[in-house]
PDB file of N, CA and C in Angstrom:
ATOM      1  N   MET A   1       8.925 -12.793  -2.300  1.00  0.00           N
ATOM      2  CA  MET A   1       8.700 -11.597  -1.526  1.00  0.00           C
ATOM      3  C   MET A   1       7.735 -10.655  -2.182  1.00  0.00           C
ATOM      4  N   VAL A   2       6.852 -10.109  -1.429  1.00  0.00           N
ATOM      5  CA  VAL A   2       5.858  -9.148  -1.888  1.00  0.00           C
ATOM      6  C   VAL A   2       6.413  -7.753  -1.796  1.00  0.00           C
ATOM      7  N   ASN A   3       6.352  -6.999  -2.867  1.00  0.00           N
ATOM      8  CA  ASN A   3       6.809  -5.606  -2.855  1.00  0.00           C
ATOM      9  C   ASN A   3       5.573  -4.707  -2.760  1.00  0.00           C
ATOM     10  N   ILE A   4       5.546  -3.876  -1.721  1.00  0.00           N
ATOM     11  CA  ILE A   4       4.362  -3.051  -1.435  1.00  0.00           C
ATOM     12  C   ILE A   4       4.821  -1.572  -1.444  1.00  0.00           C
ATOM     13  N   LYS A   5       4.108  -0.758  -2.191  1.00  0.00           N
ATOM     14  CA  LYS A   5       4.341   0.682  -2.175  1.00  0.00           C
ATOM     15  C   LYS A   5       3.096   1.358  -1.691  1.00  0.00           C
ATOM     16  N   ILE A   6       3.323   2.337  -0.779  1.00  0.00           N
ATOM     17  CA  ILE A   6       2.220   3.207  -0.291  1.00  0.00           C
ATOM     18  C   ILE A   6       2.489   4.577  -0.921  1.00  0.00           C
ATOM     19  N   LEU A   7       1.604   5.001  -1.731  1.00  0.00           N
ATOM     20  CA  LEU A   7       1.721   6.293  -2.436  1.00  0.00           C
ATOM     21  C   LEU A   7       1.052   7.391  -1.706  1.00  0.00           C
ATOM     22  N   GLY A   8       1.764   8.457  -1.383  1.00  0.00           N
ATOM     23  CA  GLY A   8       1.153   9.589  -0.685  1.00  0.00           C
ATOM     24  C   GLY A   8       2.187  10.440  -0.054  1.00  0.00           C
ATOM     25  N   ALA A   9       1.800  11.706   0.246  1.00  0.00           N
ATOM     26  CA  ALA A   9       2.710  12.688   0.762  1.00  0.00           C
ATOM     27  C   ALA A   9       2.907  12.589   2.241  1.00  0.00           C
ATOM     28  N   GLY A  10       2.256  11.671   2.939  1.00  0.00           N
ATOM     29  CA  GLY A  10       2.391  11.529   4.378  1.00  0.00           C
ATOM     30  C   GLY A  10       1.210  11.962   5.144  1.00  0.00           C
ATOM     31  N   CYS A  11       0.016  11.950   4.513  1.00  0.00           N
ATOM     32  CA  CYS A  11      -1.170  12.330   5.170  1.00  0.00           C
ATOM     33  C   CYS A  11      -1.550  11.286   6.277  1.00  0.00           C
ATOM     34  N   VAL A  12      -2.559  11.616   7.047  1.00  0.00           N
ATOM     35  CA  VAL A  12      -2.965  10.738   8.135  1.00  0.00           C
ATOM     36  C   VAL A  12      -3.353   9.388   7.606  1.00  0.00           C
ATOM     37  N   ASN A  13      -4.157   9.293   6.492  1.00  0.00           N
ATOM     38  CA  ASN A  13      -4.567   8.033   5.928  1.00  0.00           C
ATOM     39  C   ASN A  13      -3.361   7.236   5.373  1.00  0.00           C
ATOM     40  N   CYS A  14      -2.382   7.914   4.844  1.00  0.00           N
ATOM     41  CA  CYS A  14      -1.181   7.249   4.306  1.00  0.00           C
ATOM     42  C   CYS A  14      -0.439   6.574   5.491  1.00  0.00           C
ATOM     43  N   ARG A  15      -0.252   7.275   6.579  1.00  0.00           N
ATOM     44  CA  ARG A  15       0.367   6.726   7.745  1.00  0.00           C
ATOM     45  C   ARG A  15      -0.448   5.594   8.379  1.00  0.00           C
ATOM     46  N   ARG A  16      -1.726   5.737   8.348  1.00  0.00           N
ATOM     47  CA  ARG A  16      -2.637   4.688   8.933  1.00  0.00           C
ATOM     48  C   ARG A  16      -2.552   3.448   8.091  1.00  0.00           C
ATOM     49  N   LEU A  17      -2.561   3.558   6.751  1.00  0.00           N
ATOM     50  CA  LEU A  17      -2.427   2.426   5.858  1.00  0.00           C
ATOM     51  C   LEU A  17      -1.096   1.709   6.019  1.00  0.00           C
ATOM     52  N   GLU A  18      -0.045   2.483   6.267  1.00  0.00           N
ATOM     53  CA  GLU A  18       1.266   1.873   6.478  1.00  0.00           C
ATOM     54  C   GLU A  18       1.235   1.062   7.791  1.00  0.00           C
ATOM     55  N   ALA A  19       0.736   1.654   8.849  1.00  0.00           N
ATOM     56  CA  ALA A  19       0.672   0.974  10.129  1.00  0.00           C
ATOM     57  C   ALA A  19      -0.160  -0.357  10.009  1.00  0.00           C
ATOM     58  N   ILE A  20      -1.283  -0.270   9.326  1.00  0.00           N
ATOM     59  CA  ILE A  20      -2.111  -1.452   9.110  1.00  0.00           C
ATOM     60  C   ILE A  20      -1.347  -2.549   8.360  1.00  0.00           C
ATOM     61  N   LEU A  21      -0.642  -2.173   7.269  1.00  0.00           N
ATOM     62  CA  LEU A  21       0.078  -3.163   6.465  1.00  0.00           C
ATOM     63  C   LEU A  21       1.215  -3.770   7.281  1.00  0.00           C
ATOM     64  N   VAL A  22       1.979  -2.942   8.016  1.00  0.00           N
ATOM     65  CA  VAL A  22       3.091  -3.477   8.783  1.00  0.00           C
ATOM     66  C   VAL A  22       2.581  -4.508   9.788  1.00  0.00           C
ATOM     67  N   LYS A  23       1.505  -4.215  10.466  1.00  0.00           N
ATOM     68  CA  LYS A  23       0.900  -5.171  11.434  1.00  0.00           C
ATOM     69  C   LYS A  23       0.394  -6.426  10.719  1.00  0.00           C
ATOM     70  N   LEU A  24      -0.275  -6.272   9.602  1.00  0.00           N
ATOM     71  CA  LEU A  24      -0.862  -7.390   8.881  1.00  0.00           C
ATOM     72  C   LEU A  24       0.212  -8.344   8.302  1.00  0.00           C
ATOM     73  N   VAL A  25       1.272  -7.775   7.794  1.00  0.00           N
ATOM     74  CA  VAL A  25       2.426  -8.508   7.257  1.00  0.00           C
ATOM     75  C   VAL A  25       3.108  -9.269   8.396  1.00  0.00           C
ATOM     76  N   ASP A  26       3.281  -8.602   9.521  1.00  0.00           N
ATOM     77  CA  ASP A  26       3.958  -9.262  10.682  1.00  0.00           C
ATOM     78  C   ASP A  26       3.083 -10.392  11.287  1.00  0.00           C
ATOM     79  N   GLU A  27       1.798 -10.121  11.531  1.00  0.00           N
ATOM     80  CA  GLU A  27       0.929 -11.131  12.068  1.00  0.00           C
ATOM     81  C   GLU A  27       0.753 -12.318  11.196  1.00  0.00           C
ATOM     82  N   ASN A  28       0.753 -12.159   9.832  1.00  0.00           N
ATOM     83  CA  ASN A  28       0.568 -13.279   8.972  1.00  0.00           C
ATOM     84  C   ASN A  28       1.859 -13.845   8.381  1.00  0.00           C
ATOM     85  N   LYS A  29       2.985 -13.358   8.929  1.00  0.00           N
ATOM     86  CA  LYS A  29       4.288 -13.798   8.552  1.00  0.00           C
ATOM     87  C   LYS A  29       4.511 -13.827   7.039  1.00  0.00           C
ATOM     88  N   ILE A  30       4.134 -12.736   6.422  1.00  0.00           N
ATOM     89  CA  ILE A  30       4.248 -12.548   4.953  1.00  0.00           C
ATOM     90  C   ILE A  30       5.596 -11.853   4.723  1.00  0.00           C
ATOM     91  N   GLU A  31       6.372 -12.428   3.838  1.00  0.00           N
ATOM     92  CA  GLU A  31       7.671 -11.843   3.462  1.00  0.00           C
ATOM     93  C   GLU A  31       7.425 -10.700   2.540  1.00  0.00           C
ATOM     94  N   ALA A  32       7.614  -9.495   3.056  1.00  0.00           N
ATOM     95  CA  ALA A  32       7.301  -8.293   2.213  1.00  0.00           C
ATOM     96  C   ALA A  32       8.252  -7.138   2.465  1.00  0.00           C
ATOM     97  N   HIS A  33       8.363  -6.320   1.454  1.00  0.00           N
ATOM     98  CA  HIS A  33       9.123  -5.081   1.543  1.00  0.00           C
ATOM     99  C   HIS A  33       8.141  -3.944   1.335  1.00  0.00           C
ATOM    100  N   ILE A  34       8.001  -3.068   2.392  1.00  0.00           N
ATOM    101  CA  ILE A  34       7.063  -2.037   2.353  1.00  0.00           C
ATOM    102  C   ILE A  34       7.858  -0.696   2.130  1.00  0.00           C
ATOM    103  N   GLU A  35       7.442   0.064   1.071  1.00  0.00           N
ATOM    104  CA  GLU A  35       8.089   1.318   0.734  1.00  0.00           C
ATOM    105  C   GLU A  35       7.092   2.444   0.684  1.00  0.00           C
ATOM    106  N   LYS A  36       7.435   3.516   1.335  1.00  0.00           N
ATOM    107  CA  LYS A  36       6.627   4.743   1.233  1.00  0.00           C
ATOM    108  C   LYS A  36       7.113   5.591   0.069  1.00  0.00           C
ATOM    109  N   VAL A  37       6.235   5.897  -0.827  1.00  0.00           N
ATOM    110  CA  VAL A  37       6.572   6.758  -1.941  1.00  0.00           C
ATOM    111  C   VAL A  37       5.924   8.136  -1.765  1.00  0.00           C
ATOM    112  N   THR A  38       6.746   9.153  -1.471  1.00  0.00           N
ATOM    113  CA  THR A  38       6.266  10.466  -1.239  1.00  0.00           C
ATOM    114  C   THR A  38       6.575  11.463  -2.317  1.00  0.00           C
ATOM    115  N   ASP A  39       7.435  11.081  -3.254  1.00  0.00           N
ATOM    116  CA  ASP A  39       7.832  11.938  -4.343  1.00  0.00           C
ATOM    117  C   ASP A  39       6.751  12.063  -5.375  1.00  0.00           C
ATOM    118  N   PHE A  40       6.256  13.278  -5.591  1.00  0.00           N
ATOM    119  CA  PHE A  40       5.152  13.521  -6.494  1.00  0.00           C
ATOM    120  C   PHE A  40       5.406  12.958  -7.897  1.00  0.00           C
ATOM    121  N   ASP A  41       6.637  13.106  -8.366  1.00  0.00           N
ATOM    122  CA  ASP A  41       6.967  12.591  -9.725  1.00  0.00           C
ATOM    123  C   ASP A  41       6.822  11.074  -9.810  1.00  0.00           C
ATOM    124  N   GLU A  42       7.092  10.403  -8.709  1.00  0.00           N
ATOM    125  CA  GLU A  42       6.931   8.905  -8.693  1.00  0.00           C
ATOM    126  C   GLU A  42       5.442   8.580  -8.573  1.00  0.00           C
ATOM    127  N   ILE A  43       4.730   9.276  -7.733  1.00  0.00           N
ATOM    128  CA  ILE A  43       3.293   8.980  -7.488  1.00  0.00           C
ATOM    129  C   ILE A  43       2.498   9.089  -8.809  1.00  0.00           C
ATOM    130  N   VAL A  44       2.771  10.157  -9.589  1.00  0.00           N
ATOM    131  CA  VAL A  44       1.992  10.395 -10.811  1.00  0.00           C
ATOM    132  C   VAL A  44       2.263   9.357 -11.902  1.00  0.00           C
ATOM    133  N   LYS A  45       3.226   8.490 -11.647  1.00  0.00           N
ATOM    134  CA  LYS A  45       3.467   7.377 -12.611  1.00  0.00           C
ATOM    135  C   LYS A  45       2.325   6.287 -12.541  1.00  0.00           C
ATOM    136  N   TYR A  46       1.595   6.391 -11.491  1.00  0.00           N
ATOM    137  CA  TYR A  46       0.437   5.496 -11.305  1.00  0.00           C
ATOM    138  C   TYR A  46      -0.863   6.230 -11.482  1.00  0.00           C
ATOM    139  N   PRO A  47      -1.891   5.577 -12.078  1.00  0.00           N
ATOM    140  CA  PRO A  47      -3.187   6.235 -12.355  1.00  0.00           C
ATOM    141  C   PRO A  47      -4.046   6.423 -11.130  1.00  0.00           C
ATOM    142  N   ILE A  48      -3.629   7.306 -10.219  1.00  0.00           N
ATOM    143  CA  ILE A  48      -4.436   7.544  -9.011  1.00  0.00           C
ATOM    144  C   ILE A  48      -4.908   9.022  -8.992  1.00  0.00           C
ATOM    145  N   LEU A  49      -6.063   9.225  -8.450  1.00  0.00           N
ATOM    146  CA  LEU A  49      -6.527  10.577  -8.284  1.00  0.00           C
ATOM    147  C   LEU A  49      -6.597  11.035  -6.839  1.00  0.00           C
ATOM    148  N   GLY A  50      -6.427  10.084  -5.939  1.00  0.00           N
ATOM    149  CA  GLY A  50      -6.361  10.421  -4.541  1.00  0.00           C
ATOM    150  C   GLY A  50      -5.462   9.492  -3.766  1.00  0.00           C
ATOM    151  N   THR A  51      -4.941   9.935  -2.644  1.00  0.00           N
ATOM    152  CA  THR A  51      -4.127   9.128  -1.836  1.00  0.00           C
ATOM    153  C   THR A  51      -4.857   8.690  -0.583  1.00  0.00           C
ATOM    154  N   PRO A  52      -4.448   7.622   0.021  1.00  0.00           N
ATOM    155  CA  PRO A  52      -3.254   6.866  -0.257  1.00  0.00           C
ATOM    156  C   PRO A  52      -3.512   5.911  -1.414  1.00  0.00           C
ATOM    157  N   GLY A  53      -2.421   5.687  -2.141  1.00  0.00           N
ATOM    158  CA  GLY A  53      -2.432   4.651  -3.216  1.00  0.00           C
ATOM    159  C   GLY A  53      -1.719   3.441  -2.672  1.00  0.00           C
ATOM    160  N   LEU A  54      -2.115   2.278  -3.152  1.00  0.00           N
ATOM    161  CA  LEU A  54      -1.488   1.037  -2.705  1.00  0.00           C
ATOM    162  C   LEU A  54      -1.090   0.277  -3.955  1.00  0.00           C
ATOM    163  N   VAL A  55       0.159  -0.063  -4.017  1.00  0.00           N
ATOM    164  CA  VAL A  55       0.675  -0.813  -5.185  1.00  0.00           C
ATOM    165  C   VAL A  55       1.337  -2.126  -4.635  1.00  0.00           C
ATOM    166  N   ILE A  56       0.904  -3.237  -5.152  1.00  0.00           N
ATOM    167  CA  ILE A  56       1.462  -4.544  -4.761  1.00  0.00           C
ATOM    168  C   ILE A  56       2.063  -5.186  -5.953  1.00  0.00           C
ATOM    169  N   ASN A  57       3.362  -5.449  -5.914  1.00  0.00           N
ATOM    170  CA  ASN A  57       4.100  -6.009  -7.009  1.00  0.00           C
ATOM    171  C   ASN A  57       3.876  -5.263  -8.316  1.00  0.00           C
ATOM    172  N   GLU A  58       3.987  -3.930  -8.188  1.00  0.00           N
ATOM    173  CA  GLU A  58       3.804  -2.973  -9.307  1.00  0.00           C
ATOM    174  C   GLU A  58       2.430  -2.867  -9.933  1.00  0.00           C
ATOM    175  N   LYS A  59       1.428  -3.411  -9.228  1.00  0.00           N
ATOM    176  CA  LYS A  59       0.037  -3.375  -9.670  1.00  0.00           C
ATOM    177  C   LYS A  59      -0.760  -2.483  -8.709  1.00  0.00           C
ATOM    178  N   LEU A  60      -1.329  -1.412  -9.166  1.00  0.00           N
ATOM    179  CA  LEU A  60      -2.157  -0.532  -8.412  1.00  0.00           C
ATOM    180  C   LEU A  60      -3.399  -1.288  -8.005  1.00  0.00           C
ATOM    181  N   VAL A  61      -3.652  -1.476  -6.700  1.00  0.00           N
ATOM    182  CA  VAL A  61      -4.828  -2.208  -6.229  1.00  0.00           C
ATOM    183  C   VAL A  61      -5.852  -1.340  -5.549  1.00  0.00           C
ATOM    184  N   SER A  62      -5.438  -0.164  -5.097  1.00  0.00           N
ATOM    185  CA  SER A  62      -6.348   0.738  -4.388  1.00  0.00           C
ATOM    186  C   SER A  62      -5.868   2.143  -4.430  1.00  0.00           C
ATOM    187  N   ALA A  63      -6.800   3.116  -4.411  1.00  0.00           N
ATOM    188  CA  ALA A  63      -6.387   4.494  -4.415  1.00  0.00           C
ATOM    189  C   ALA A  63      -7.531   5.338  -3.744  1.00  0.00           C
ATOM    190  N   GLY A  64      -7.147   6.268  -2.940  1.00  0.00           N
ATOM    191  CA  GLY A  64      -8.094   7.206  -2.336  1.00  0.00           C
ATOM    192  C   GLY A  64      -8.857   6.695  -1.150  1.00  0.00           C
ATOM    193  N   ARG A  65      -8.476   5.530  -0.652  1.00  0.00           N
ATOM    194  CA  ARG A  65      -9.201   4.991   0.528  1.00  0.00           C
ATOM    195  C   ARG A  65      -8.266   3.970   1.245  1.00  0.00           C
ATOM    196  N   ILE A  66      -8.701   3.616   2.401  1.00  0.00           N
ATOM    197  CA  ILE A  66      -8.048   2.521   3.164  1.00  0.00           C
ATOM    198  C   ILE A  66      -8.822   1.249   3.003  1.00  0.00           C
ATOM    199  N   PRO A  67      -8.244   0.304   2.316  1.00  0.00           N
ATOM    200  CA  PRO A  67      -8.978  -0.967   2.088  1.00  0.00           C
ATOM    201  C   PRO A  67      -9.260  -1.720   3.394  1.00  0.00           C
ATOM    202  N   SER A  68     -10.223  -2.586   3.351  1.00  0.00           N
ATOM    203  CA  SER A  68     -10.512  -3.427   4.553  1.00  0.00           C
ATOM    204  C   SER A  68      -9.400  -4.465   4.751  1.00  0.00           C
ATOM    205  N   LEU A  69      -9.322  -4.970   5.961  1.00  0.00           N
ATOM    206  CA  LEU A  69      -8.318  -5.978   6.304  1.00  0.00           C
ATOM    207  C   LEU A  69      -8.433  -7.191   5.396  1.00  0.00           C
ATOM    208  N   THR A  70      -9.702  -7.607   5.110  1.00  0.00           N
ATOM    209  CA  THR A  70      -9.905  -8.756   4.270  1.00  0.00           C
ATOM    210  C   THR A  70      -9.365  -8.427   2.856  1.00  0.00           C
ATOM    211  N   GLU A  71      -9.679  -7.297   2.299  1.00  0.00           N
ATOM    212  CA  GLU A  71      -9.138  -6.967   0.985  1.00  0.00           C
ATOM    213  C   GLU A  71      -7.623  -6.990   0.982  1.00  0.00           C
ATOM    214  N   LEU A  72      -6.997  -6.383   1.946  1.00  0.00           N
ATOM    215  CA  LEU A  72      -5.518  -6.363   2.058  1.00  0.00           C
ATOM    216  C   LEU A  72      -4.971  -7.791   2.127  1.00  0.00           C
ATOM    217  N   LEU A  73      -5.511  -8.586   2.945  1.00  0.00           N
ATOM    218  CA  LEU A  73      -4.978  -9.923   3.106  1.00  0.00           C
ATOM    219  C   LEU A  73      -5.155 -10.738   1.833  1.00  0.00           C
ATOM    220  N   ASN A  74      -6.277 -10.575   1.151  1.00  0.00           N
ATOM    221  CA  ASN A  74      -6.516 -11.305  -0.084  1.00  0.00           C
ATOM    222  C   ASN A  74      -5.446 -10.838  -1.148  1.00  0.00           C
ATOM    223  N   TRP A  75      -5.200  -9.529  -1.224  1.00  0.00           N
ATOM    224  CA  TRP A  75      -4.272  -9.025  -2.217  1.00  0.00           C
ATOM    225  C   TRP A  75      -2.849  -9.537  -1.904  1.00  0.00           C
ATOM    226  N   LEU A  76      -2.522  -9.541  -0.616  1.00  0.00           N
ATOM    227  CA  LEU A  76      -1.145  -9.985  -0.237  1.00  0.00           C
ATOM    228  C   LEU A  76      -0.970 -11.491  -0.440  1.00  0.00           C
ATOM    229  N   ASN A  77      -2.011 -12.274  -0.101  1.00  0.00           N
ATOM    230  CA  ASN A  77      -1.917 -13.685  -0.310  1.00  0.00           C
ATOM    231  C   ASN A  77      -1.922 -14.066  -1.775  1.00  0.00           C
ATOM    232  N   GLY A  78      -2.576 -13.225  -2.611  1.00  0.00           N
ATOM    233  CA  GLY A  78      -2.592 -13.484  -4.068  1.00  0.00           C
ATOM    234  C   GLY A  78      -1.386 -13.027  -4.801  1.00  0.00           C
ATOM    235  N   ALA A  79      -0.559 -12.288  -4.082  1.00  0.00           N
ATOM    236  CA  ALA A  79       0.669 -11.764  -4.800  1.00  0.00           C
ATOM    237  C   ALA A  79       1.773 -12.763  -4.903  1.00  0.00           C
TER     238      ALA A  79
END
């Protein structure tokens, strides 16, 4: 199972990234747990300067942008 964390306070891009990930995981039948992390104390444990942040299996893979579908799928399949 892939553990995914979306880091952010709930901004538009954070919600957009979550929606994209939910759809991608469902369409590709990837067994995953998606968690939204909105607590500032938890977010600052990762080296990000901007949100949304994306953590896959405790590895920060993206911050401050919405990755492309290709990038997301590659990260999920590589996890």
